[in-house]
Amino acid sequence: MVRFLLELFAIFSLGFWGFAAWAMPWNIVVGLAAPAIAIVLWALFRSPKAVFTIDAFGRALVEIVVMAAAALAWWDLGLPIVAGIFAVIAVVSGVLNGRKEFA
């Protein structure tokens, strides 16, 4: 449940960053493209019903890229506390989930 909420928050974060950090008309492009790219990456490689089957290291890499992009988006918006809290929760969740996957 926490992982799903983290994924939703990451997608929201990327969209919010795209609309808030970029000037017109690029804010529309980035605000729609950033979360769309994250969704496609997650659906192709990381979701429970992923299209492509990759090893645990590849899945972890995709997760790190999406979650790090969301944390960096908050940092870029000038909210380092939100970025830090999100990053810590994402890392803890990723480590706990990774231990299950590698067991």
PDB file of N, CA and C in Angstrom:
ATOM      1  N   MET A   1       0.816  -1.195   0.000  1.00  0.00           N
ATOM      2  CA  MET A   1       0.000   0.000   0.000  1.00  0.00           C
ATOM      3  C   MET A   1       0.868   1.271   0.000  1.00  0.00           C
ATOM      4  N   VAL A   2       1.932   1.261   0.819  1.00  0.00           N
ATOM      5  CA  VAL A   2       2.826   2.424   0.863  1.00  0.00           C
ATOM      6  C   VAL A   2       3.513   2.609  -0.478  1.00  0.00           C
ATOM      7  N   ARG A   3       3.921   1.520  -1.090  1.00  0.00           N
ATOM      8  CA  ARG A   3       4.608   1.610  -2.390  1.00  0.00           C
ATOM      9  C   ARG A   3       3.686   2.199  -3.450  1.00  0.00           C
ATOM     10  N   PHE A   4       2.420   1.803  -3.432  1.00  0.00           N
ATOM     11  CA  PHE A   4       1.464   2.345  -4.398  1.00  0.00           C
ATOM     12  C   PHE A   4       1.267   3.841  -4.168  1.00  0.00           C
ATOM     13  N   LEU A   5       1.151   4.249  -2.913  1.00  0.00           N
ATOM     14  CA  LEU A   5       1.006   5.671  -2.606  1.00  0.00           C
ATOM     15  C   LEU A   5       2.253   6.451  -3.001  1.00  0.00           C
ATOM     16  N   LEU A   6       3.423   5.853  -2.812  1.00  0.00           N
ATOM     17  CA  LEU A   6       4.664   6.502  -3.247  1.00  0.00           C
ATOM     18  C   LEU A   6       4.694   6.673  -4.761  1.00  0.00           C
ATOM     19  N   GLU A   7       4.245   5.663  -5.470  1.00  0.00           N
ATOM     20  CA  GLU A   7       4.207   5.752  -6.927  1.00  0.00           C
ATOM     21  C   GLU A   7       3.251   6.860  -7.374  1.00  0.00           C
ATOM     22  N   LEU A   8       2.075   6.914  -6.773  1.00  0.00           N
ATOM     23  CA  LEU A   8       1.121   7.970  -7.124  1.00  0.00           C
ATOM     24  C   LEU A   8       1.673   9.354  -6.799  1.00  0.00           C
ATOM     25  N   PHE A   9       2.324   9.476  -5.653  1.00  0.00           N
ATOM     26  CA  PHE A   9       2.897  10.764  -5.272  1.00  0.00           C
ATOM     27  C   PHE A   9       4.034  11.154  -6.215  1.00  0.00           C
ATOM     28  N   ALA A  10       4.813  10.184  -6.659  1.00  0.00           N
ATOM     29  CA  ALA A  10       5.897  10.469  -7.608  1.00  0.00           C
ATOM     30  C   ALA A  10       5.325  10.976  -8.930  1.00  0.00           C
ATOM     31  N   ILE A  11       4.272  10.368  -9.394  1.00  0.00           N
ATOM     32  CA  ILE A  11       3.653  10.794 -10.653  1.00  0.00           C
ATOM     33  C   ILE A  11       3.060  12.194 -10.499  1.00  0.00           C
ATOM     34  N   PHE A  12       2.357  12.417  -9.382  1.00  0.00           N
ATOM     35  CA  PHE A  12       1.821  13.749  -9.108  1.00  0.00           C
ATOM     36  C   PHE A  12       2.960  14.768  -9.041  1.00  0.00           C
ATOM     37  N   SER A  13       4.035  14.420  -8.362  1.00  0.00           N
ATOM     38  CA  SER A  13       5.173  15.331  -8.191  1.00  0.00           C
ATOM     39  C   SER A  13       5.759  15.750  -9.524  1.00  0.00           C
ATOM     40  N   LEU A  14       5.925  14.803 -10.418  1.00  0.00           N
ATOM     41  CA  LEU A  14       6.501  15.116 -11.727  1.00  0.00           C
ATOM     42  C   LEU A  14       5.569  16.015 -12.540  1.00  0.00           C
ATOM     43  N   GLY A  15       4.276  15.753 -12.464  1.00  0.00           N
ATOM     44  CA  GLY A  15       3.320  16.611 -13.166  1.00  0.00           C
ATOM     45  C   GLY A  15       3.285  18.011 -12.580  1.00  0.00           C
ATOM     46  N   PHE A  16       3.246  18.105 -11.260  1.00  0.00           N
ATOM     47  CA  PHE A  16       3.227  19.407 -10.594  1.00  0.00           C
ATOM     48  C   PHE A  16       4.483  20.195 -10.929  1.00  0.00           C
ATOM     49  N   TRP A  17       5.618  19.525 -10.886  1.00  0.00           N
ATOM     50  CA  TRP A  17       6.883  20.176 -11.229  1.00  0.00           C
ATOM     51  C   TRP A  17       6.848  20.693 -12.666  1.00  0.00           C
ATOM     52  N   GLY A  18       6.345  19.871 -13.567  1.00  0.00           N
ATOM     53  CA  GLY A  18       6.299  20.286 -14.963  1.00  0.00           C
ATOM     54  C   GLY A  18       5.460  21.533 -15.179  1.00  0.00           C
ATOM     55  N   PHE A  19       4.321  21.600 -14.509  1.00  0.00           N
ATOM     56  CA  PHE A  19       3.451  22.758 -14.676  1.00  0.00           C
ATOM     57  C   PHE A  19       3.946  23.979 -13.899  1.00  0.00           C
ATOM     58  N   ALA A  20       4.597  23.768 -12.762  1.00  0.00           N
ATOM     59  CA  ALA A  20       4.995  24.895 -11.911  1.00  0.00           C
ATOM     60  C   ALA A  20       6.374  25.456 -12.244  1.00  0.00           C
ATOM     61  N   ALA A  21       7.286  24.640 -12.713  1.00  0.00           N
ATOM     62  CA  ALA A  21       8.674  25.081 -12.866  1.00  0.00           C
ATOM     63  C   ALA A  21       9.010  25.601 -14.252  1.00  0.00           C
ATOM     64  N   TRP A  22       8.180  25.353 -15.214  1.00  0.00           N
ATOM     65  CA  TRP A  22       8.495  25.744 -16.581  1.00  0.00           C
ATOM     66  C   TRP A  22       7.577  26.878 -17.026  1.00  0.00           C
ATOM     67  N   ALA A  23       8.077  27.692 -17.928  1.00  0.00           N
ATOM     68  CA  ALA A  23       7.297  28.805 -18.465  1.00  0.00           C
ATOM     69  C   ALA A  23       6.399  28.313 -19.593  1.00  0.00           C
ATOM     70  N   MET A  24       5.373  29.090 -19.870  1.00  0.00           N
ATOM     71  CA  MET A  24       4.480  28.762 -20.981  1.00  0.00           C
ATOM     72  C   MET A  24       5.270  28.766 -22.277  1.00  0.00           C
ATOM     73  N   PRO A  25       5.024  27.980 -23.241  1.00  0.00           N
ATOM     74  CA  PRO A  25       4.120  26.843 -23.337  1.00  0.00           C
ATOM     75  C   PRO A  25       4.752  25.535 -22.886  1.00  0.00           C
ATOM     76  N   TRP A  26       6.020  25.617 -22.446  1.00  0.00           N
ATOM     77  CA  TRP A  26       6.722  24.395 -22.074  1.00  0.00           C
ATOM     78  C   TRP A  26       6.136  23.731 -20.840  1.00  0.00           C
ATOM     79  N   ASN A  27       5.462  24.493 -19.996  1.00  0.00           N
ATOM     80  CA  ASN A  27       4.891  23.888 -18.805  1.00  0.00           C
ATOM     81  C   ASN A  27       3.834  22.852 -19.146  1.00  0.00           C
ATOM     82  N   ILE A  28       3.112  23.075 -20.209  1.00  0.00           N
ATOM     83  CA  ILE A  28       2.102  22.094 -20.628  1.00  0.00           C
ATOM     84  C   ILE A  28       2.786  20.831 -21.151  1.00  0.00           C
ATOM     85  N   VAL A  29       3.809  21.021 -21.964  1.00  0.00           N
ATOM     86  CA  VAL A  29       4.539  19.880 -22.531  1.00  0.00           C
ATOM     87  C   VAL A  29       5.195  19.053 -21.432  1.00  0.00           C
ATOM     88  N   VAL A  30       5.970  19.701 -20.568  1.00  0.00           N
ATOM     89  CA  VAL A  30       6.687  18.984 -19.505  1.00  0.00           C
ATOM     90  C   VAL A  30       5.721  18.475 -18.447  1.00  0.00           C
ATOM     91  N   GLY A  31       4.683  19.252 -18.149  1.00  0.00           N
ATOM     92  CA  GLY A  31       3.700  18.836 -17.150  1.00  0.00           C
ATOM     93  C   GLY A  31       2.939  17.587 -17.539  1.00  0.00           C
ATOM     94  N   LEU A  32       2.791  17.351 -18.817  1.00  0.00           N
ATOM     95  CA  LEU A  32       2.130  16.130 -19.284  1.00  0.00           C
ATOM     96  C   LEU A  32       3.131  15.018 -19.600  1.00  0.00           C
ATOM     97  N   ALA A  33       4.299  15.394 -20.134  1.00  0.00           N
ATOM     98  CA  ALA A  33       5.272  14.387 -20.562  1.00  0.00           C
ATOM     99  C   ALA A  33       5.997  13.729 -19.398  1.00  0.00           C
ATOM    100  N   ALA A  34       6.374  14.489 -18.377  1.00  0.00           N
ATOM    101  CA  ALA A  34       7.153  13.920 -17.268  1.00  0.00           C
ATOM    102  C   ALA A  34       6.402  12.796 -16.555  1.00  0.00           C
ATOM    103  N   PRO A  35       5.153  13.021 -16.133  1.00  0.00           N
ATOM    104  CA  PRO A  35       4.452  11.896 -15.499  1.00  0.00           C
ATOM    105  C   PRO A  35       4.139  10.766 -16.479  1.00  0.00           C
ATOM    106  N   ALA A  36       3.911  11.106 -17.738  1.00  0.00           N
ATOM    107  CA  ALA A  36       3.628  10.058 -18.727  1.00  0.00           C
ATOM    108  C   ALA A  36       4.835   9.146 -18.919  1.00  0.00           C
ATOM    109  N   ILE A  37       6.027   9.716 -18.964  1.00  0.00           N
ATOM    110  CA  ILE A  37       7.238   8.908 -19.102  1.00  0.00           C
ATOM    111  C   ILE A  37       7.415   8.017 -17.877  1.00  0.00           C
ATOM    112  N   ALA A  38       7.171   8.571 -16.695  1.00  0.00           N
ATOM    113  CA  ALA A  38       7.290   7.773 -15.469  1.00  0.00           C
ATOM    114  C   ALA A  38       6.280   6.620 -15.468  1.00  0.00           C
ATOM    115  N   ILE A  39       5.062   6.887 -15.897  1.00  0.00           N
ATOM    116  CA  ILE A  39       4.030   5.847 -15.946  1.00  0.00           C
ATOM    117  C   ILE A  39       4.419   4.751 -16.924  1.00  0.00           C
ATOM    118  N   VAL A  40       4.914   5.135 -18.088  1.00  0.00           N
ATOM    119  CA  VAL A  40       5.304   4.149 -19.095  1.00  0.00           C
ATOM    120  C   VAL A  40       6.476   3.303 -18.599  1.00  0.00           C
ATOM    121  N   LEU A  41       7.486   3.938 -18.010  1.00  0.00           N
ATOM    122  CA  LEU A  41       8.615   3.178 -17.467  1.00  0.00           C
ATOM    123  C   LEU A  41       8.149   2.184 -16.405  1.00  0.00           C
ATOM    124  N   TRP A  42       7.285   2.657 -15.510  1.00  0.00           N
ATOM    125  CA  TRP A  42       6.795   1.792 -14.430  1.00  0.00           C
ATOM    126  C   TRP A  42       5.976   0.635 -14.993  1.00  0.00           C
ATOM    127  N   ALA A  43       5.110   0.931 -15.956  1.00  0.00           N
ATOM    128  CA  ALA A  43       4.255  -0.108 -16.527  1.00  0.00           C
ATOM    129  C   ALA A  43       5.060  -1.134 -17.319  1.00  0.00           C
ATOM    130  N   LEU A  44       6.078  -0.686 -18.013  1.00  0.00           N
ATOM    131  CA  LEU A  44       6.859  -1.609 -18.833  1.00  0.00           C
ATOM    132  C   LEU A  44       7.779  -2.507 -18.017  1.00  0.00           C
ATOM    133  N   PHE A  45       8.366  -1.957 -16.939  1.00  0.00           N
ATOM    134  CA  PHE A  45       9.424  -2.696 -16.259  1.00  0.00           C
ATOM    135  C   PHE A  45       9.191  -2.988 -14.778  1.00  0.00           C
ATOM    136  N   ARG A  46       8.378  -2.208 -14.082  1.00  0.00           N
ATOM    137  CA  ARG A  46       8.340  -2.310 -12.624  1.00  0.00           C
ATOM    138  C   ARG A  46       7.027  -2.817 -12.050  1.00  0.00           C
ATOM    139  N   SER A  47       5.942  -2.659 -12.743  1.00  0.00           N
ATOM    140  CA  SER A  47       4.640  -3.020 -12.179  1.00  0.00           C
ATOM    141  C   SER A  47       4.541  -4.535 -11.976  1.00  0.00           C
ATOM    142  N   PRO A  48       3.606  -4.969 -11.122  1.00  0.00           N
ATOM    143  CA  PRO A  48       3.442  -6.411 -10.919  1.00  0.00           C
ATOM    144  C   PRO A  48       3.105  -7.167 -12.213  1.00  0.00           C
ATOM    145  N   LYS A  49       2.447  -6.496 -13.148  1.00  0.00           N
ATOM    146  CA  LYS A  49       2.127  -7.115 -14.443  1.00  0.00           C
ATOM    147  C   LYS A  49       2.928  -6.430 -15.554  1.00  0.00           C
ATOM    148  N   ALA A  50       4.214  -6.299 -15.338  1.00  0.00           N
ATOM    149  CA  ALA A  50       5.078  -5.596 -16.285  1.00  0.00           C
ATOM    150  C   ALA A  50       5.096  -6.283 -17.645  1.00  0.00           C
ATOM    151  N   VAL A  51       5.229  -5.465 -18.673  1.00  0.00           N
ATOM    152  CA  VAL A  51       5.268  -5.981 -20.043  1.00  0.00           C
ATOM    153  C   VAL A  51       6.560  -6.748 -20.283  1.00  0.00           C
ATOM    154  N   PHE A  52       7.680  -6.205 -19.814  1.00  0.00           N
ATOM    155  CA  PHE A  52       8.977  -6.848 -19.983  1.00  0.00           C
ATOM    156  C   PHE A  52       9.460  -7.395 -18.645  1.00  0.00           C
ATOM    157  N   THR A  53       9.954  -8.600 -18.669  1.00  0.00           N
ATOM    158  CA  THR A  53      10.494  -9.203 -17.460  1.00  0.00           C
ATOM    159  C   THR A  53      11.995  -8.937 -17.416  1.00  0.00           C
ATOM    160  N   ILE A  54      12.416  -8.230 -16.366  1.00  0.00           N
ATOM    161  CA  ILE A  54      13.835  -7.967 -16.184  1.00  0.00           C
ATOM    162  C   ILE A  54      14.222  -8.427 -14.781  1.00  0.00           C
ATOM    163  N   ASP A  55      15.517  -8.519 -14.549  1.00  0.00           N
ATOM    164  CA  ASP A  55      15.976  -9.004 -13.241  1.00  0.00           C
ATOM    165  C   ASP A  55      15.703  -7.958 -12.158  1.00  0.00           C
ATOM    166  N   ALA A  56      15.936  -8.353 -10.929  1.00  0.00           N
ATOM    167  CA  ALA A  56      15.634  -7.487  -9.785  1.00  0.00           C
ATOM    168  C   ALA A  56      16.461  -6.206  -9.800  1.00  0.00           C
ATOM    169  N   PHE A  57      17.681  -6.267 -10.301  1.00  0.00           N
ATOM    170  CA  PHE A  57      18.511  -5.073 -10.370  1.00  0.00           C
ATOM    171  C   PHE A  57      17.944  -4.066 -11.364  1.00  0.00           C
ATOM    172  N   GLY A  58      17.453  -4.545 -12.482  1.00  0.00           N
ATOM    173  CA  GLY A  58      16.829  -3.664 -13.473  1.00  0.00           C
ATOM    174  C   GLY A  58      15.563  -3.021 -12.929  1.00  0.00           C
ATOM    175  N   ARG A  59      14.750  -3.805 -12.229  1.00  0.00           N
ATOM    176  CA  ARG A  59      13.537  -3.255 -11.626  1.00  0.00           C
ATOM    177  C   ARG A  59      13.888  -2.201 -10.583  1.00  0.00           C
ATOM    178  N   ALA A  60      14.921  -2.485  -9.792  1.00  0.00           N
ATOM    179  CA  ALA A  60      15.356  -1.515  -8.783  1.00  0.00           C
ATOM    180  C   ALA A  60      15.849  -0.229  -9.448  1.00  0.00           C
ATOM    181  N   LEU A  61      16.555  -0.351 -10.557  1.00  0.00           N
ATOM    182  CA  LEU A  61      17.058   0.819 -11.260  1.00  0.00           C
ATOM    183  C   LEU A  61      15.912   1.698 -11.763  1.00  0.00           C
ATOM    184  N   VAL A  62      14.885   1.074 -12.322  1.00  0.00           N
ATOM    185  CA  VAL A  62      13.723   1.835 -12.798  1.00  0.00           C
ATOM    186  C   VAL A  62      13.060   2.553 -11.622  1.00  0.00           C
ATOM    187  N   GLU A  63      12.909   1.851 -10.520  1.00  0.00           N
ATOM    188  CA  GLU A  63      12.291   2.461  -9.339  1.00  0.00           C
ATOM    189  C   GLU A  63      13.129   3.625  -8.822  1.00  0.00           C
ATOM    190  N   ILE A  64      14.444   3.465  -8.784  1.00  0.00           N
ATOM    191  CA  ILE A  64      15.327   4.535  -8.321  1.00  0.00           C
ATOM    192  C   ILE A  64      15.223   5.753  -9.223  1.00  0.00           C
ATOM    193  N   VAL A  65      15.168   5.533 -10.527  1.00  0.00           N
ATOM    194  CA  VAL A  65      15.085   6.653 -11.471  1.00  0.00           C
ATOM    195  C   VAL A  65      13.786   7.436 -11.269  1.00  0.00           C
ATOM    196  N   VAL A  66      12.675   6.743 -11.156  1.00  0.00           N
ATOM    197  CA  VAL A  66      11.384   7.429 -11.010  1.00  0.00           C
ATOM    198  C   VAL A  66      11.307   8.157  -9.670  1.00  0.00           C
ATOM    199  N   MET A  67      11.677   7.486  -8.597  1.00  0.00           N
ATOM    200  CA  MET A  67      11.585   8.102  -7.274  1.00  0.00           C
ATOM    201  C   MET A  67      12.592   9.247  -7.119  1.00  0.00           C
ATOM    202  N   ALA A  68      13.795   9.081  -7.647  1.00  0.00           N
ATOM    203  CA  ALA A  68      14.791  10.155  -7.574  1.00  0.00           C
ATOM    204  C   ALA A  68      14.346  11.363  -8.396  1.00  0.00           C
ATOM    205  N   ALA A  69      13.730  11.128  -9.547  1.00  0.00           N
ATOM    206  CA  ALA A  69      13.235  12.236 -10.362  1.00  0.00           C
ATOM    207  C   ALA A  69      12.166  13.019  -9.608  1.00  0.00           C
ATOM    208  N   ALA A  70      11.305  12.315  -8.890  1.00  0.00           N
ATOM    209  CA  ALA A  70      10.265  12.998  -8.120  1.00  0.00           C
ATOM    210  C   ALA A  70      10.873  13.803  -6.975  1.00  0.00           C
ATOM    211  N   ALA A  71      11.857  13.232  -6.273  1.00  0.00           N
ATOM    212  CA  ALA A  71      12.505  13.966  -5.189  1.00  0.00           C
ATOM    213  C   ALA A  71      13.248  15.191  -5.731  1.00  0.00           C
ATOM    214  N   LEU A  72      13.930  15.029  -6.847  1.00  0.00           N
ATOM    215  CA  LEU A  72      14.641  16.163  -7.447  1.00  0.00           C
ATOM    216  C   LEU A  72      13.676  17.231  -7.948  1.00  0.00           C
ATOM    217  N   ALA A  73      12.488  16.832  -8.357  1.00  0.00           N
ATOM    218  CA  ALA A  73      11.482  17.805  -8.782  1.00  0.00           C
ATOM    219  C   ALA A  73      11.097  18.707  -7.612  1.00  0.00           C
ATOM    220  N   TRP A  74      10.882  18.110  -6.433  1.00  0.00           N
ATOM    221  CA  TRP A  74      10.553  18.925  -5.259  1.00  0.00           C
ATOM    222  C   TRP A  74      11.730  19.819  -4.875  1.00  0.00           C
ATOM    223  N   TRP A  75      12.932  19.295  -4.999  1.00  0.00           N
ATOM    224  CA  TRP A  75      14.127  20.095  -4.698  1.00  0.00           C
ATOM    225  C   TRP A  75      14.200  21.292  -5.637  1.00  0.00           C
ATOM    226  N   ASP A  76      13.940  21.054  -6.920  1.00  0.00           N
ATOM    227  CA  ASP A  76      13.984  22.123  -7.915  1.00  0.00           C
ATOM    228  C   ASP A  76      12.905  23.175  -7.655  1.00  0.00           C
ATOM    229  N   LEU A  77      11.796  22.768  -7.081  1.00  0.00           N
ATOM    230  CA  LEU A  77      10.728  23.706  -6.766  1.00  0.00           C
ATOM    231  C   LEU A  77      11.027  24.523  -5.510  1.00  0.00           C
ATOM    232  N   GLY A  78      12.152  24.246  -4.870  1.00  0.00           N
ATOM    233  CA  GLY A  78      12.528  24.999  -3.686  1.00  0.00           C
ATOM    234  C   GLY A  78      11.936  24.450  -2.407  1.00  0.00           C
ATOM    235  N   LEU A  79      11.580  23.183  -2.412  1.00  0.00           N
ATOM    236  CA  LEU A  79      11.003  22.528  -1.242  1.00  0.00           C
ATOM    237  C   LEU A  79      11.870  21.337  -0.833  1.00  0.00           C
ATOM    238  N   PRO A  80      13.069  21.609  -0.299  1.00  0.00           N
ATOM    239  CA  PRO A  80      13.981  20.507   0.029  1.00  0.00           C
ATOM    240  C   PRO A  80      13.472  19.612   1.159  1.00  0.00           C
ATOM    241  N   ILE A  81      12.632  20.139   2.032  1.00  0.00           N
ATOM    242  CA  ILE A  81      12.102  19.304   3.116  1.00  0.00           C
ATOM    243  C   ILE A  81      11.174  18.233   2.549  1.00  0.00           C
ATOM    244  N   VAL A  82      10.304  18.632   1.627  1.00  0.00           N
ATOM    245  CA  VAL A  82       9.419  17.659   0.976  1.00  0.00           C
ATOM    246  C   VAL A  82      10.252  16.644   0.202  1.00  0.00           C
ATOM    247  N   ALA A  83      11.276  17.130  -0.499  1.00  0.00           N
ATOM    248  CA  ALA A  83      12.150  16.235  -1.261  1.00  0.00           C
ATOM    249  C   ALA A  83      12.839  15.239  -0.346  1.00  0.00           C
ATOM    250  N   GLY A  84      13.348  15.715   0.771  1.00  0.00           N
ATOM    251  CA  GLY A  84      14.053  14.834   1.699  1.00  0.00           C
ATOM    252  C   GLY A  84      13.145  13.808   2.344  1.00  0.00           C
ATOM    253  N   ILE A  85      11.977  14.237   2.791  1.00  0.00           N
ATOM    254  CA  ILE A  85      11.034  13.304   3.416  1.00  0.00           C
ATOM    255  C   ILE A  85      10.591  12.252   2.414  1.00  0.00           C
ATOM    256  N   PHE A  86      10.266  12.687   1.192  1.00  0.00           N
ATOM    257  CA  PHE A  86       9.861  11.732   0.161  1.00  0.00           C
ATOM    258  C   PHE A  86      10.991  10.765  -0.153  1.00  0.00           C
ATOM    259  N   ALA A  87      12.207  11.277  -0.268  1.00  0.00           N
ATOM    260  CA  ALA A  87      13.348  10.417  -0.596  1.00  0.00           C
ATOM    261  C   ALA A  87      13.596   9.385   0.493  1.00  0.00           C
ATOM    262  N   VAL A  88      13.518   9.792   1.750  1.00  0.00           N
ATOM    263  CA  VAL A  88      13.746   8.856   2.855  1.00  0.00           C
ATOM    264  C   VAL A  88      12.678   7.762   2.860  1.00  0.00           C
ATOM    265  N   ILE A  89      11.421   8.152   2.704  1.00  0.00           N
ATOM    266  CA  ILE A  89      10.341   7.154   2.691  1.00  0.00           C
ATOM    267  C   ILE A  89      10.495   6.215   1.497  1.00  0.00           C
ATOM    268  N   ALA A  90      10.854   6.763   0.335  1.00  0.00           N
ATOM    269  CA  ALA A  90      11.033   5.933  -0.856  1.00  0.00           C
ATOM    270  C   ALA A  90      12.202   4.965  -0.689  1.00  0.00           C
ATOM    271  N   VAL A  91      13.291   5.428  -0.097  1.00  0.00           N
ATOM    272  CA  VAL A  91      14.446   4.548   0.113  1.00  0.00           C
ATOM    273  C   VAL A  91      14.105   3.429   1.085  1.00  0.00           C
ATOM    274  N   VAL A  92      13.461   3.762   2.197  1.00  0.00           N
ATOM    275  CA  VAL A  92      13.091   2.735   3.176  1.00  0.00           C
ATOM    276  C   VAL A  92      12.149   1.721   2.547  1.00  0.00           C
ATOM    277  N   SER A  93      11.159   2.193   1.819  1.00  0.00           N
ATOM    278  CA  SER A  93      10.229   1.287   1.161  1.00  0.00           C
ATOM    279  C   SER A  93      10.942   0.421   0.120  1.00  0.00           C
ATOM    280  N   GLY A  94      11.842   1.035  -0.643  1.00  0.00           N
ATOM    281  CA  GLY A  94      12.582   0.277  -1.651  1.00  0.00           C
ATOM    282  C   GLY A  94      13.488  -0.777  -1.049  1.00  0.00           C
ATOM    283  N   VAL A  95      14.144  -0.432   0.044  1.00  0.00           N
ATOM    284  CA  VAL A  95      15.025  -1.407   0.701  1.00  0.00           C
ATOM    285  C   VAL A  95      14.215  -2.568   1.262  1.00  0.00           C
ATOM    286  N   LEU A  96      13.117  -2.262   1.924  1.00  0.00           N
ATOM    287  CA  LEU A  96      12.281  -3.331   2.480  1.00  0.00           C
ATOM    288  C   LEU A  96      11.716  -4.224   1.381  1.00  0.00           C
ATOM    289  N   ASN A  97      11.271  -3.622   0.293  1.00  0.00           N
ATOM    290  CA  ASN A  97      10.749  -4.416  -0.814  1.00  0.00           C
ATOM    291  C   ASN A  97      11.862  -5.197  -1.506  1.00  0.00           C
ATOM    292  N   GLY A  98      13.034  -4.591  -1.644  1.00  0.00           N
ATOM    293  CA  GLY A  98      14.152  -5.268  -2.284  1.00  0.00           C
ATOM    294  C   GLY A  98      14.602  -6.495  -1.498  1.00  0.00           C
ATOM    295  N   ARG A  99      14.542  -6.382  -0.183  1.00  0.00           N
ATOM    296  CA  ARG A  99      14.905  -7.543   0.649  1.00  0.00           C
ATOM    297  C   ARG A  99      13.951  -8.706   0.395  1.00  0.00           C
ATOM    298  N   LYS A 100      12.681  -8.402   0.177  1.00  0.00           N
ATOM    299  CA  LYS A 100      11.705  -9.455  -0.133  1.00  0.00           C
ATOM    300  C   LYS A 100      11.994 -10.071  -1.507  1.00  0.00           C
ATOM    301  N   GLU A 101      12.326  -9.216  -2.479  1.00  0.00           N
ATOM    302  CA  GLU A 101      12.556  -9.706  -3.833  1.00  0.00           C
ATOM    303  C   GLU A 101      13.807 -10.564  -3.929  1.00  0.00           C
ATOM    304  N   PHE A 102      14.852 -10.212  -3.181  1.00  0.00           N
ATOM    305  CA  PHE A 102      16.097 -10.953  -3.248  1.00  0.00           C
ATOM    306  C   PHE A 102      16.108 -12.179  -2.340  1.00  0.00           C
ATOM    307  N   ALA A 103      15.122 -12.310  -1.474  1.00  0.00           N
ATOM    308  CA  ALA A 103      15.078 -13.445  -0.550  1.00  0.00           C
ATOM    309  C   ALA A 103      14.629 -14.707  -1.254  1.00  0.00           C
TER     310      ALA A 103
END
